[in-house]
Structure formats: structure tokens, C-alpha cells
Amino acid sequence: MTKKNPNGSDTNDGPTTERESLLIGEQLFGEECREALSIIRHSTDKAVVKDKMRATFEYRQKLIHDQDATSSVLDVFHRFLDIPEL
């Protein structure tokens, strides 16, 4: 959303980078999801981590919307700590 500063110039309220189209694709559940979480924890390959993050999107959404489990999000997805803007 673009707003005007008090001095009249435009400002951007949202993120500073463009997001890719959100194409969730096939989601992983059960043992496959646990394997993907392990790969996320131990991989240094950004493409692999990004792919596994997409595949565990629904799991992550359920986790962050569960008030009892919200505090464990950074334990499960510690790569979020690698993102300076987060």
C-alpha cells in the first residue's frame, strides 16, 4: 500500500521485496513431513530448504495458528532465525 509522507512523497507500507507467486503444490504429511523437517534443519542448500518449506506450508500454518504450539515454531523451523527481516 502506498501512502504519502507528511512531506508529500510516496512511501511503501509493505515488504521491500517482491514475493514469488504462492504456489503451494503438494503438501507433505506424517513421516514425509518429519523427513522434510529434518532436511530443513540440516541442509545448507537454499533451494532444497525453500522446496521443503513450500512442501510443509500447511503444517507450518497449523503450527503457528495453534496457541499451545506457537512458541515452538522457532524450535521446529529454526531457519527462520537466519532471516534478518523476520
N, C-alpha and C. Protein backbone atom coordinates (compact mmCIF):
# COMPACT_ATOMS: atom_id res chain seq x y z
N MET A 1 0.84 -1.17 0.00
CA MET A 1 0.00 0.00 0.00
C MET A 1 0.89 1.23 0.00
N THR A 2 0.62 2.18 -0.87
CA THR A 2 1.40 3.40 -0.97
C THR A 2 0.68 4.53 -0.27
N LYS A 3 1.41 5.24 0.59
CA LYS A 3 0.85 6.39 1.29
C LYS A 3 1.74 7.59 1.03
N LYS A 4 1.25 8.73 1.37
CA LYS A 4 2.03 9.96 1.26
C LYS A 4 2.64 10.28 2.62
N ASN A 5 3.92 10.61 2.61
CA ASN A 5 4.58 11.12 3.81
C ASN A 5 4.03 12.51 4.09
N PRO A 6 4.26 13.05 5.30
CA PRO A 6 3.86 14.43 5.57
C PRO A 6 4.48 15.42 4.59
N ASN A 7 5.66 15.07 4.04
CA ASN A 7 6.32 15.97 3.09
C ASN A 7 5.80 15.79 1.66
N GLY A 8 4.83 14.84 1.45
CA GLY A 8 4.21 14.66 0.15
C GLY A 8 4.79 13.55 -0.70
N SER A 9 5.91 12.93 -0.29
CA SER A 9 6.49 11.85 -1.10
C SER A 9 5.80 10.53 -0.78
N ASP A 10 5.84 9.61 -1.74
CA ASP A 10 5.22 8.30 -1.55
C ASP A 10 6.08 7.42 -0.66
N THR A 11 5.43 6.60 0.16
CA THR A 11 6.12 5.58 0.96
C THR A 11 5.45 4.26 0.72
N ASN A 12 6.17 3.19 0.96
CA ASN A 12 5.63 1.85 0.79
C ASN A 12 5.48 1.24 2.16
N ASP A 13 4.26 0.84 2.52
CA ASP A 13 3.97 0.25 3.81
C ASP A 13 4.36 -1.22 3.91
N GLY A 14 4.44 -1.91 2.77
CA GLY A 14 4.62 -3.36 2.77
C GLY A 14 6.07 -3.79 2.70
N PRO A 15 6.27 -5.07 2.43
CA PRO A 15 7.62 -5.61 2.30
C PRO A 15 8.40 -4.89 1.21
N THR A 16 9.72 -4.88 1.35
CA THR A 16 10.56 -4.17 0.39
C THR A 16 10.95 -5.03 -0.80
N THR A 17 10.64 -6.32 -0.77
CA THR A 17 10.97 -7.18 -1.90
C THR A 17 9.70 -7.82 -2.44
N GLU A 18 9.71 -8.11 -3.73
CA GLU A 18 8.57 -8.76 -4.34
C GLU A 18 8.52 -10.22 -3.90
N ARG A 19 7.33 -10.71 -3.64
CA ARG A 19 7.16 -12.12 -3.29
C ARG A 19 6.86 -12.90 -4.56
N GLU A 20 7.36 -14.13 -4.59
CA GLU A 20 7.03 -15.01 -5.70
C GLU A 20 5.57 -15.41 -5.55
N SER A 21 4.97 -15.81 -6.63
CA SER A 21 3.60 -16.30 -6.55
C SER A 21 3.57 -17.48 -5.60
N LEU A 22 2.58 -17.50 -4.76
CA LEU A 22 2.47 -18.57 -3.78
C LEU A 22 1.80 -19.77 -4.42
N LEU A 23 2.61 -20.70 -4.83
CA LEU A 23 2.12 -21.95 -5.39
C LEU A 23 2.49 -23.03 -4.39
N ILE A 24 1.53 -23.43 -3.60
CA ILE A 24 1.81 -24.36 -2.51
C ILE A 24 2.22 -25.72 -3.05
N GLY A 25 1.51 -26.24 -4.01
CA GLY A 25 1.85 -27.55 -4.55
C GLY A 25 1.51 -28.67 -3.59
N GLU A 26 2.16 -29.80 -3.78
CA GLU A 26 1.90 -30.98 -2.96
C GLU A 26 2.44 -30.77 -1.55
N GLN A 27 1.59 -31.06 -0.57
CA GLN A 27 1.97 -30.91 0.83
C GLN A 27 2.36 -32.26 1.41
N LEU A 28 3.30 -32.24 2.33
CA LEU A 28 3.77 -33.46 2.97
C LEU A 28 3.11 -33.62 4.34
N PHE A 29 2.81 -34.85 4.69
CA PHE A 29 2.20 -35.15 5.98
C PHE A 29 2.87 -36.38 6.58
N GLY A 30 2.68 -36.58 7.86
CA GLY A 30 3.18 -37.77 8.54
C GLY A 30 4.69 -37.89 8.47
N GLU A 31 5.14 -39.09 8.15
CA GLU A 31 6.57 -39.40 8.11
C GLU A 31 7.30 -38.55 7.07
N GLU A 32 6.68 -38.32 5.92
CA GLU A 32 7.31 -37.49 4.89
C GLU A 32 7.53 -36.06 5.40
N CYS A 33 6.58 -35.55 6.16
CA CYS A 33 6.72 -34.20 6.73
C CYS A 33 7.87 -34.17 7.74
N ARG A 34 7.96 -35.19 8.59
CA ARG A 34 9.06 -35.26 9.57
C ARG A 34 10.41 -35.34 8.86
N GLU A 35 10.48 -36.08 7.77
CA GLU A 35 11.73 -36.17 7.00
C GLU A 35 12.09 -34.81 6.40
N ALA A 36 11.09 -34.10 5.88
CA ALA A 36 11.34 -32.77 5.31
C ALA A 36 11.82 -31.81 6.39
N LEU A 37 11.24 -31.89 7.59
CA LEU A 37 11.68 -31.03 8.70
C LEU A 37 13.13 -31.31 9.06
N SER A 38 13.52 -32.59 9.03
CA SER A 38 14.91 -32.95 9.31
C SER A 38 15.84 -32.39 8.24
N ILE A 39 15.42 -32.47 6.99
CA ILE A 39 16.23 -31.91 5.90
C ILE A 39 16.39 -30.40 6.07
N ILE A 40 15.30 -29.72 6.42
CA ILE A 40 15.36 -28.27 6.64
C ILE A 40 16.37 -27.94 7.73
N ARG A 41 16.36 -28.72 8.80
CA ARG A 41 17.27 -28.46 9.93
C ARG A 41 18.74 -28.64 9.55
N HIS A 42 19.02 -29.60 8.67
CA HIS A 42 20.41 -29.98 8.43
C HIS A 42 20.99 -29.55 7.09
N SER A 43 20.16 -29.08 6.19
CA SER A 43 20.65 -28.73 4.86
C SER A 43 21.15 -27.28 4.82
N THR A 44 22.17 -27.06 4.03
CA THR A 44 22.66 -25.70 3.80
C THR A 44 22.33 -25.24 2.38
N ASP A 45 21.70 -26.12 1.61
CA ASP A 45 21.31 -25.80 0.23
C ASP A 45 20.00 -25.02 0.26
N LYS A 46 20.07 -23.74 -0.09
CA LYS A 46 18.90 -22.86 -0.01
C LYS A 46 17.74 -23.35 -0.88
N ALA A 47 18.03 -23.89 -2.05
CA ALA A 47 16.97 -24.38 -2.94
C ALA A 47 16.22 -25.55 -2.31
N VAL A 48 16.97 -26.45 -1.67
CA VAL A 48 16.35 -27.60 -1.02
C VAL A 48 15.49 -27.13 0.15
N VAL A 49 16.03 -26.23 0.97
CA VAL A 49 15.29 -25.71 2.12
C VAL A 49 14.01 -25.01 1.65
N LYS A 50 14.12 -24.21 0.61
CA LYS A 50 12.96 -23.49 0.07
C LYS A 50 11.89 -24.48 -0.42
N ASP A 51 12.31 -25.52 -1.12
CA ASP A 51 11.39 -26.53 -1.61
C ASP A 51 10.68 -27.23 -0.45
N LYS A 52 11.43 -27.60 0.58
CA LYS A 52 10.84 -28.30 1.72
C LYS A 52 9.96 -27.36 2.54
N MET A 53 10.30 -26.08 2.58
CA MET A 53 9.44 -25.11 3.27
C MET A 53 8.10 -25.01 2.55
N ARG A 54 8.11 -25.00 1.23
CA ARG A 54 6.85 -24.98 0.48
C ARG A 54 6.04 -26.24 0.76
N ALA A 55 6.71 -27.38 0.81
CA ALA A 55 6.02 -28.66 0.99
C ALA A 55 5.47 -28.82 2.41
N THR A 56 5.95 -28.03 3.35
CA THR A 56 5.47 -28.11 4.74
C THR A 56 4.66 -26.86 5.12
N PHE A 57 4.21 -26.11 4.14
CA PHE A 57 3.47 -24.86 4.38
C PHE A 57 2.24 -25.08 5.26
N GLU A 58 1.41 -26.05 4.91
CA GLU A 58 0.19 -26.29 5.68
C GLU A 58 0.51 -26.71 7.11
N TYR A 59 1.52 -27.53 7.30
CA TYR A 59 1.93 -27.94 8.64
C TYR A 59 2.36 -26.71 9.45
N ARG A 60 3.15 -25.85 8.82
CA ARG A 60 3.63 -24.64 9.49
C ARG A 60 2.47 -23.71 9.85
N GLN A 61 1.50 -23.59 8.95
CA GLN A 61 0.33 -22.75 9.22
C GLN A 61 -0.46 -23.28 10.42
N LYS A 62 -0.66 -24.59 10.47
CA LYS A 62 -1.37 -25.19 11.61
C LYS A 62 -0.59 -24.95 12.90
N LEU A 63 0.72 -25.05 12.82
CA LEU A 63 1.57 -24.87 14.00
C LEU A 63 1.48 -23.44 14.53
N ILE A 64 1.55 -22.45 13.64
CA ILE A 64 1.54 -21.07 14.13
C ILE A 64 0.15 -20.61 14.57
N HIS A 65 -0.90 -21.29 14.09
CA HIS A 65 -2.25 -20.91 14.50
C HIS A 65 -2.74 -21.69 15.72
N ASP A 66 -1.94 -22.62 16.19
CA ASP A 66 -2.25 -23.37 17.42
C ASP A 66 -1.59 -22.64 18.58
N GLN A 67 -2.40 -22.00 19.42
CA GLN A 67 -1.84 -21.18 20.50
C GLN A 67 -0.93 -21.97 21.44
N ASP A 68 -1.20 -23.25 21.62
CA ASP A 68 -0.36 -24.06 22.50
C ASP A 68 0.98 -24.40 21.87
N ALA A 69 1.06 -24.41 20.54
CA ALA A 69 2.29 -24.80 19.85
C ALA A 69 3.06 -23.62 19.27
N THR A 70 2.48 -22.42 19.27
CA THR A 70 3.11 -21.27 18.63
C THR A 70 4.52 -21.02 19.13
N SER A 71 4.75 -21.19 20.42
CA SER A 71 6.08 -20.92 20.97
C SER A 71 7.15 -21.88 20.45
N SER A 72 6.75 -23.00 19.86
CA SER A 72 7.73 -23.97 19.37
C SER A 72 8.06 -23.79 17.89
N VAL A 73 7.47 -22.81 17.22
CA VAL A 73 7.72 -22.61 15.79
C VAL A 73 9.21 -22.44 15.51
N LEU A 74 9.90 -21.64 16.29
CA LEU A 74 11.32 -21.40 16.04
C LEU A 74 12.18 -22.61 16.42
N ASP A 75 11.67 -23.48 17.27
CA ASP A 75 12.39 -24.73 17.56
C ASP A 75 12.30 -25.67 16.36
N VAL A 76 11.14 -25.75 15.75
CA VAL A 76 10.93 -26.64 14.61
C VAL A 76 11.53 -26.05 13.34
N PHE A 77 11.31 -24.76 13.12
CA PHE A 77 11.79 -24.08 11.91
C PHE A 77 12.85 -23.05 12.29
N HIS A 78 13.97 -23.51 12.82
CA HIS A 78 15.00 -22.58 13.29
C HIS A 78 15.64 -21.78 12.16
N ARG A 79 15.45 -22.17 10.92
CA ARG A 79 15.98 -21.40 9.78
C ARG A 79 15.35 -20.02 9.72
N PHE A 80 14.17 -19.85 10.33
CA PHE A 80 13.56 -18.52 10.38
C PHE A 80 14.50 -17.53 11.06
N LEU A 81 15.33 -18.01 11.97
CA LEU A 81 16.27 -17.14 12.68
C LEU A 81 17.39 -16.63 11.75
N ASP A 82 17.56 -17.29 10.60
CA ASP A 82 18.57 -16.87 9.63
C ASP A 82 18.10 -15.70 8.77
N ILE A 83 16.82 -15.33 8.88
CA ILE A 83 16.24 -14.29 8.06
C ILE A 83 16.24 -12.99 8.85
N PRO A 84 17.11 -12.03 8.50
CA PRO A 84 17.24 -10.81 9.29
C PRO A 84 15.96 -10.00 9.42
N GLU A 85 15.11 -9.99 8.40
CA GLU A 85 13.89 -9.17 8.43
C GLU A 85 12.77 -9.80 9.23
N LEU A 86 12.90 -11.07 9.61
CA LEU A 86 11.80 -11.76 10.26
C LEU A 86 11.70 -11.38 11.71
